[in-house]
Amino acid sequence: MPKPLQALELENFLPYRLSVLAQLVSESLHDLYAGPFGLTVTQWRVMAALGGFAPLTASEVGARIVMDKVAVSRAVAGLLKRGLIERVPDATDRRRAPLELSAQGRTMHGRIVPLALAYEERLYEGLTSEQRKMFDDLADRLFAQAKQLRV
């Protein structure tokens, strides 16, 4: 006799809820920079990573923003073509091709960051300061647990 199917209430399933929330937030944020700056979500994430951690290779960017190599490669190619990022020589390893924001890229990054931070602040308005602290702590714990489960 077959086992009865286990019920999965999708709307209450944590991975689903996190995915939908991340997608909604990402799309809302994208609306702020897509039109005025002509960037895709992946291009902005590459720029954001380079804005905070450059120089990075494309592989290092992909690992930092947890995105697929092909998507990162396409984003990097588009940003290089537009002159928003550039390759910098690596004195210790000429095979390595680290990337950083160009002057134009730093200017654009500097214009987008305040929009992103203002969006984050508006998003957090739905929580009290205590809830925000609790959410940040819980998110850190879930992030650490998810990384541990991935190994």
C-alpha atoms as a PDB file:
ATOM      1  CA  MET A   1       0.000   0.000   0.000  1.00  0.00           C
ATOM      2  CA  PRO A   2       1.535   3.355  -1.022  1.00  0.00           C
ATOM      3  CA  LYS A   3       2.405   5.916   1.611  1.00  0.00           C
ATOM      4  CA  PRO A   4       0.124   8.942   1.696  1.00  0.00           C
ATOM      5  CA  LEU A   5       1.683  12.051   0.170  1.00  0.00           C
ATOM      6  CA  GLN A   6       3.113  14.436   2.690  1.00  0.00           C
ATOM      7  CA  ALA A   7       1.466  17.847   2.493  1.00  0.00           C
ATOM      8  CA  LEU A   8       3.548  20.854   1.586  1.00  0.00           C
ATOM      9  CA  GLU A   9       1.887  24.182   2.203  1.00  0.00           C
ATOM     10  CA  LEU A  10       3.925  26.170  -0.249  1.00  0.00           C
ATOM     11  CA  GLU A  11       2.915  29.570   1.121  1.00  0.00           C
ATOM     12  CA  ASN A  12       4.288  28.511   4.546  1.00  0.00           C
ATOM     13  CA  PHE A  13       7.398  26.690   3.268  1.00  0.00           C
ATOM     14  CA  LEU A  14      10.423  28.750   4.349  1.00  0.00           C
ATOM     15  CA  PRO A  15      12.565  28.240   1.216  1.00  0.00           C
ATOM     16  CA  TYR A  16       9.631  29.300  -0.965  1.00  0.00           C
ATOM     17  CA  ARG A  17       8.857  32.340   1.187  1.00  0.00           C
ATOM     18  CA  LEU A  18      12.492  33.469   1.189  1.00  0.00           C
ATOM     19  CA  SER A  19      12.726  33.015  -2.572  1.00  0.00           C
ATOM     20  CA  VAL A  20       9.550  34.997  -3.246  1.00  0.00           C
ATOM     21  CA  LEU A  21      10.593  37.750  -0.831  1.00  0.00           C
ATOM     22  CA  ALA A  22      14.060  37.971  -2.411  1.00  0.00           C
ATOM     23  CA  GLN A  23      12.556  38.127  -5.900  1.00  0.00           C
ATOM     24  CA  LEU A  24      10.033  40.819  -4.927  1.00  0.00           C
ATOM     25  CA  VAL A  25      12.701  42.940  -3.226  1.00  0.00           C
ATOM     26  CA  SER A  26      15.128  42.442  -6.118  1.00  0.00           C
ATOM     27  CA  GLU A  27      12.507  43.460  -8.694  1.00  0.00           C
ATOM     28  CA  SER A  28      11.453  46.509  -6.673  1.00  0.00           C
ATOM     29  CA  LEU A  29      15.051  47.636  -6.302  1.00  0.00           C
ATOM     30  CA  HIS A  30      15.696  46.938  -9.977  1.00  0.00           C
ATOM     31  CA  ASP A  31      12.885  49.342 -10.862  1.00  0.00           C
ATOM     32  CA  LEU A  32      14.941  52.126  -9.245  1.00  0.00           C
ATOM     33  CA  TYR A  33      18.065  51.654 -11.362  1.00  0.00           C
ATOM     34  CA  ALA A  34      17.012  49.830 -14.541  1.00  0.00           C
ATOM     35  CA  GLY A  35      15.543  52.800 -16.384  1.00  0.00           C
ATOM     36  CA  PRO A  36      17.834  55.603 -15.262  1.00  0.00           C
ATOM     37  CA  PHE A  37      21.045  53.575 -15.438  1.00  0.00           C
ATOM     38  CA  GLY A  38      20.244  50.773 -17.903  1.00  0.00           C
ATOM     39  CA  LEU A  39      21.524  47.967 -15.693  1.00  0.00           C
ATOM     40  CA  THR A  40      20.271  44.443 -15.248  1.00  0.00           C
ATOM     41  CA  VAL A  41      19.992  42.891 -11.790  1.00  0.00           C
ATOM     42  CA  THR A  42      23.173  40.893 -12.363  1.00  0.00           C
ATOM     43  CA  GLN A  43      25.088  43.902 -13.684  1.00  0.00           C
ATOM     44  CA  TRP A  44      24.161  45.908 -10.601  1.00  0.00           C
ATOM     45  CA  ARG A  45      25.173  43.051  -8.311  1.00  0.00           C
ATOM     46  CA  VAL A  46      28.539  42.818 -10.065  1.00  0.00           C
ATOM     47  CA  MET A  47      29.021  46.564  -9.681  1.00  0.00           C
ATOM     48  CA  ALA A  48      27.951  46.442  -6.029  1.00  0.00           C
ATOM     49  CA  ALA A  49      30.455  43.644  -5.322  1.00  0.00           C
ATOM     50  CA  LEU A  50      33.244  45.514  -7.071  1.00  0.00           C
ATOM     51  CA  GLY A  51      32.256  48.722  -5.320  1.00  0.00           C
ATOM     52  CA  GLY A  52      32.855  47.083  -1.976  1.00  0.00           C
ATOM     53  CA  PHE A  53      35.520  44.459  -2.575  1.00  0.00           C
ATOM     54  CA  ALA A  54      37.523  45.169  -5.770  1.00  0.00           C
ATOM     55  CA  PRO A  55      39.707  44.021  -7.249  1.00  0.00           C
ATOM     56  CA  LEU A  56      37.965  40.691  -7.842  1.00  0.00           C
ATOM     57  CA  THR A  57      38.079  38.191 -10.673  1.00  0.00           C
ATOM     58  CA  ALA A  58      34.793  37.303 -12.354  1.00  0.00           C
ATOM     59  CA  SER A  59      34.834  33.982 -10.466  1.00  0.00           C
ATOM     60  CA  GLU A  60      35.314  35.779  -7.163  1.00  0.00           C
ATOM     61  CA  VAL A  61      32.445  38.137  -8.015  1.00  0.00           C
ATOM     62  CA  GLY A  62      30.227  35.143  -8.816  1.00  0.00           C
ATOM     63  CA  ALA A  63      31.067  33.498  -5.504  1.00  0.00           C
ATOM     64  CA  ARG A  64      30.448  36.721  -3.578  1.00  0.00           C
ATOM     65  CA  ILE A  65      27.044  37.434  -5.173  1.00  0.00           C
ATOM     66  CA  VAL A  66      26.113  33.726  -5.379  1.00  0.00           C
ATOM     67  CA  MET A  67      25.245  33.801  -9.051  1.00  0.00           C
ATOM     68  CA  ASP A  68      25.822  31.433 -11.929  1.00  0.00           C
ATOM     69  CA  LYS A  69      29.111  31.794 -13.873  1.00  0.00           C
ATOM     70  CA  VAL A  70      27.389  32.326 -17.214  1.00  0.00           C
ATOM     71  CA  ALA A  71      25.167  35.140 -15.881  1.00  0.00           C
ATOM     72  CA  VAL A  72      28.157  36.836 -14.232  1.00  0.00           C
ATOM     73  CA  SER A  73      30.224  36.451 -17.403  1.00  0.00           C
ATOM     74  CA  ARG A  74      27.493  38.105 -19.489  1.00  0.00           C
ATOM     75  CA  ALA A  75      27.126  40.910 -16.962  1.00  0.00           C
ATOM     76  CA  VAL A  76      30.890  41.484 -16.874  1.00  0.00           C
ATOM     77  CA  ALA A  77      31.042  41.567 -20.685  1.00  0.00           C
ATOM     78  CA  GLY A  78      28.243  44.144 -20.815  1.00  0.00           C
ATOM     79  CA  LEU A  79      29.821  46.298 -18.114  1.00  0.00           C
ATOM     80  CA  LEU A  80      33.239  46.147 -19.816  1.00  0.00           C
ATOM     81  CA  LYS A  81      31.643  47.136 -23.136  1.00  0.00           C
ATOM     82  CA  ARG A  82      29.966  50.142 -21.486  1.00  0.00           C
ATOM     83  CA  GLY A  83      33.197  51.150 -19.772  1.00  0.00           C
ATOM     84  CA  LEU A  84      31.729  50.766 -16.273  1.00  0.00           C
ATOM     85  CA  ILE A  85      34.326  48.233 -15.145  1.00  0.00           C
ATOM     86  CA  GLU A  86      37.872  47.519 -16.223  1.00  0.00           C
ATOM     87  CA  ARG A  87      40.473  44.810 -15.923  1.00  0.00           C
ATOM     88  CA  VAL A  88      43.464  45.655 -13.774  1.00  0.00           C
ATOM     89  CA  PRO A  89      46.871  44.039 -14.125  1.00  0.00           C
ATOM     90  CA  ASP A  90      47.887  41.572 -11.453  1.00  0.00           C
ATOM     91  CA  ALA A  91      51.596  42.050 -10.811  1.00  0.00           C
ATOM     92  CA  THR A  92      51.975  38.603  -9.241  1.00  0.00           C
ATOM     93  CA  ASP A  93      50.012  36.526 -11.788  1.00  0.00           C
ATOM     94  CA  ARG A  94      49.529  37.715 -15.368  1.00  0.00           C
ATOM     95  CA  ARG A  95      46.955  34.956 -16.003  1.00  0.00           C
ATOM     96  CA  ARG A  96      44.676  36.471 -13.359  1.00  0.00           C
ATOM     97  CA  ALA A  97      42.297  39.166 -14.642  1.00  0.00           C
ATOM     98  CA  PRO A  98      40.855  41.091 -11.696  1.00  0.00           C
ATOM     99  CA  LEU A  99      38.132  43.655 -12.260  1.00  0.00           C
ATOM    100  CA  GLU A 100      37.315  46.984 -10.678  1.00  0.00           C
ATOM    101  CA  LEU A 101      34.925  49.841 -11.311  1.00  0.00           C
ATOM    102  CA  SER A 102      36.129  52.397 -13.839  1.00  0.00           C
ATOM    103  CA  ALA A 103      35.833  56.120 -13.065  1.00  0.00           C
ATOM    104  CA  GLN A 104      32.480  56.122 -14.888  1.00  0.00           C
ATOM    105  CA  GLY A 105      31.445  53.005 -12.968  1.00  0.00           C
ATOM    106  CA  ARG A 106      32.384  54.577  -9.618  1.00  0.00           C
ATOM    107  CA  THR A 107      30.279  57.618 -10.493  1.00  0.00           C
ATOM    108  CA  MET A 108      27.279  55.453 -11.398  1.00  0.00           C
ATOM    109  CA  HIS A 109      27.780  53.280  -8.309  1.00  0.00           C
ATOM    110  CA  GLY A 110      27.861  56.435  -6.194  1.00  0.00           C
ATOM    111  CA  ARG A 111      24.508  57.508  -7.627  1.00  0.00           C
ATOM    112  CA  ILE A 112      22.808  54.118  -7.174  1.00  0.00           C
ATOM    113  CA  VAL A 113      23.971  53.325  -3.627  1.00  0.00           C
ATOM    114  CA  PRO A 114      21.881  56.112  -2.006  1.00  0.00           C
ATOM    115  CA  LEU A 115      18.814  54.848  -3.914  1.00  0.00           C
ATOM    116  CA  ALA A 116      19.463  51.289  -2.707  1.00  0.00           C
ATOM    117  CA  LEU A 117      19.995  52.395   0.900  1.00  0.00           C
ATOM    118  CA  ALA A 118      16.854  54.549   0.837  1.00  0.00           C
ATOM    119  CA  TYR A 119      14.903  51.545  -0.508  1.00  0.00           C
ATOM    120  CA  GLU A 120      16.298  49.378   2.284  1.00  0.00           C
ATOM    121  CA  GLU A 121      15.245  51.986   4.850  1.00  0.00           C
ATOM    122  CA  ARG A 122      11.707  52.110   3.399  1.00  0.00           C
ATOM    123  CA  LEU A 123      11.553  48.316   3.481  1.00  0.00           C
ATOM    124  CA  TYR A 124      12.648  48.252   7.120  1.00  0.00           C
ATOM    125  CA  GLU A 125       9.906  50.768   8.017  1.00  0.00           C
ATOM    126  CA  GLY A 126       7.633  47.739   8.281  1.00  0.00           C
ATOM    127  CA  LEU A 127       9.560  46.648  11.390  1.00  0.00           C
ATOM    128  CA  THR A 128      10.259  48.239  14.743  1.00  0.00           C
ATOM    129  CA  SER A 129      13.925  48.772  15.612  1.00  0.00           C
ATOM    130  CA  GLU A 130      13.735  45.747  17.915  1.00  0.00           C
ATOM    131  CA  GLN A 131      12.190  43.622  15.163  1.00  0.00           C
ATOM    132  CA  ARG A 132      14.848  44.834  12.717  1.00  0.00           C
ATOM    133  CA  LYS A 133      17.629  43.755  15.075  1.00  0.00           C
ATOM    134  CA  MET A 134      15.893  40.412  15.622  1.00  0.00           C
ATOM    135  CA  PHE A 135      15.393  39.939  11.864  1.00  0.00           C
ATOM    136  CA  ASP A 136      19.063  40.714  11.183  1.00  0.00           C
ATOM    137  CA  ASP A 137      20.147  38.227  13.863  1.00  0.00           C
ATOM    138  CA  LEU A 138      17.796  35.527  12.568  1.00  0.00           C
ATOM    139  CA  ALA A 139      18.836  36.135   8.956  1.00  0.00           C
ATOM    140  CA  ASP A 140      22.496  35.777   9.984  1.00  0.00           C
ATOM    141  CA  ARG A 141      21.720  32.503  11.742  1.00  0.00           C
ATOM    142  CA  LEU A 142      19.719  31.129   8.796  1.00  0.00           C
ATOM    143  CA  PHE A 143      22.472  32.192   6.402  1.00  0.00           C
ATOM    144  CA  ALA A 144      25.102  30.381   8.487  1.00  0.00           C
ATOM    145  CA  GLN A 145      22.883  27.275   8.761  1.00  0.00           C
ATOM    146  CA  ALA A 146      22.196  27.234   5.023  1.00  0.00           C
ATOM    147  CA  LYS A 147      25.929  27.477   4.302  1.00  0.00           C
ATOM    148  CA  GLN A 148      26.578  24.607   6.707  1.00  0.00           C
ATOM    149  CA  LEU A 149      23.905  22.467   5.050  1.00  0.00           C
ATOM    150  CA  ARG A 150      25.440  23.174   1.620  1.00  0.00           C
ATOM    151  CA  VAL A 151      28.752  21.530   2.547  1.00  0.00           C
END
